[in-house]
Amino acid sequence: MQPLPEMEIRLRGNVDTPIYGQIVEQVKQHVAANRLRPGDHLPTVRQLSHSLGISPGTVVRAYTQLEQEGIVQMRRGGGTVVSPRTAGDRAAAGRRTSLSDMISSQVLNALSLGYSPEEIEATFSFHLARWREERRHTAAPTDTGYPAMDTSTIVVVASHDLALSMLVGLLSEKNPELNVDLTYAGSLGGLIALQEERAHLAGIHLLDEETGEYNYPYVKHVLPGRDVAIVHLAYRIQGLMVAPGNPKRIQQVEDLRRPNIVIVNRQRGSGTRVLLDYKLRQAGISPPGVRGYQSEKDTHLEVAAAVASGEADVGLGIEAAARASGLDFVPLYRERYDLVIPMANYRSKLLSPLLDAVASDEFIGMVRSAGGYDASQTGATSFLRLNR
């Protein structure tokens, strides 16, 4: 049986984790992100040991630990498969108890180390938002484009941001009857969705090169004749995400011209891509002269994953994504991320829970605890009267 294409394992020699431990961790990540699902087969011991150039005993040790933790089952003559989710009331109750014990243990450890309940809650929400995104990204694609607008679903088209993911998670938790459909299509994609009336709001961070101002010039250009509310989500730090220890000593955009540096880029239309192109021009660097410039990812987490796996040496992104992925971070720029909402939507009953949530002390505390954000103006609202 051939290994699944999703079952990619990348070993790193410059970390303290032993090889079998790296295999265990990466298999867990594949399962957590839904790239491996219950019943899926893992590569055989022989296949994986051959492809990684390691001894079969190392793979057996990894698979054995995964089986002991209940992640996989090793079947005589049937290979190693991801453990099925058992059905039935008794099994469901057992799973709930196991999950409760697991989380309770981690909360107890964190409290005993001096972390506050607020810090623990914010960090938990942050990582839950991260994995929710990973699982959404690996879900089956649809051909419908942006979802249809209706009276029970808030449609958000935005540039990728982890604070926005946390906001959506909080909104869903507090208002279970409300649906939120979040699509990451870049800042320009968000504004175009508003222009075409395919979304209720957009999340953007677009630097205007002529004025040095964020967002407002683009809103005026893309949405002429529209009155809009601009709700501030957060200021965030953009910088260079690099491997732990920064082995290639990458400190500034000018270093990206070095021939031994490979970058991973964001997709066209994203605010981060606009920022990188602007800074490259300022430094007198031609994009074709940057190795990896054509390699594009849709989110900060995907960029971080590419750096963490060794696919690239560096990527421009937000500090929160670097932290979540265990990378080092070289801070460079402070930018503002705003929610753009046409006035008709801003005044609607549908968006009222979202506007309450973004200005709430609970959400502001979550953003502050996530790291890499400035929430001093979160929830502040200004209005642009463009219908003149």
Foldseek 3Di string as FASTA:
>chain_A
DDADPLQDQFDDDPDPQDPLRSSLVVVVVCDLLVVADFFHAHDALVVVCVVVVHDSVSPVVSLVVCVVVQQWDQDVVPHIGGHHQDDDPVSVVVVVVVVVVVVVVVVVVCVVVPDDPLLVVLQVLLVVLVSVVSNVVPDDDDDPPQDADDLQEAEEEEAADSLVSSLQVVLCVVCVSGHYHYHYDAQQVRLVCVVVVRGQKYKAWAQDPVPRDTDPVVNCVSPFQFKKKKFFQWKFWKFKWFAVVLVVPDADLLCQLDPVFAAAEADPRHRQNNVSVSVCVVVVHDLVSGHNSPHHDRHQLVRCVCRHSVVGGIYIDTPLSSVSSVTDTHTDDITTMIMMGGPVSVPDPSCVSSLCSQPDPSSLSSQVSSPRTGCPRTSPMDMDRNND
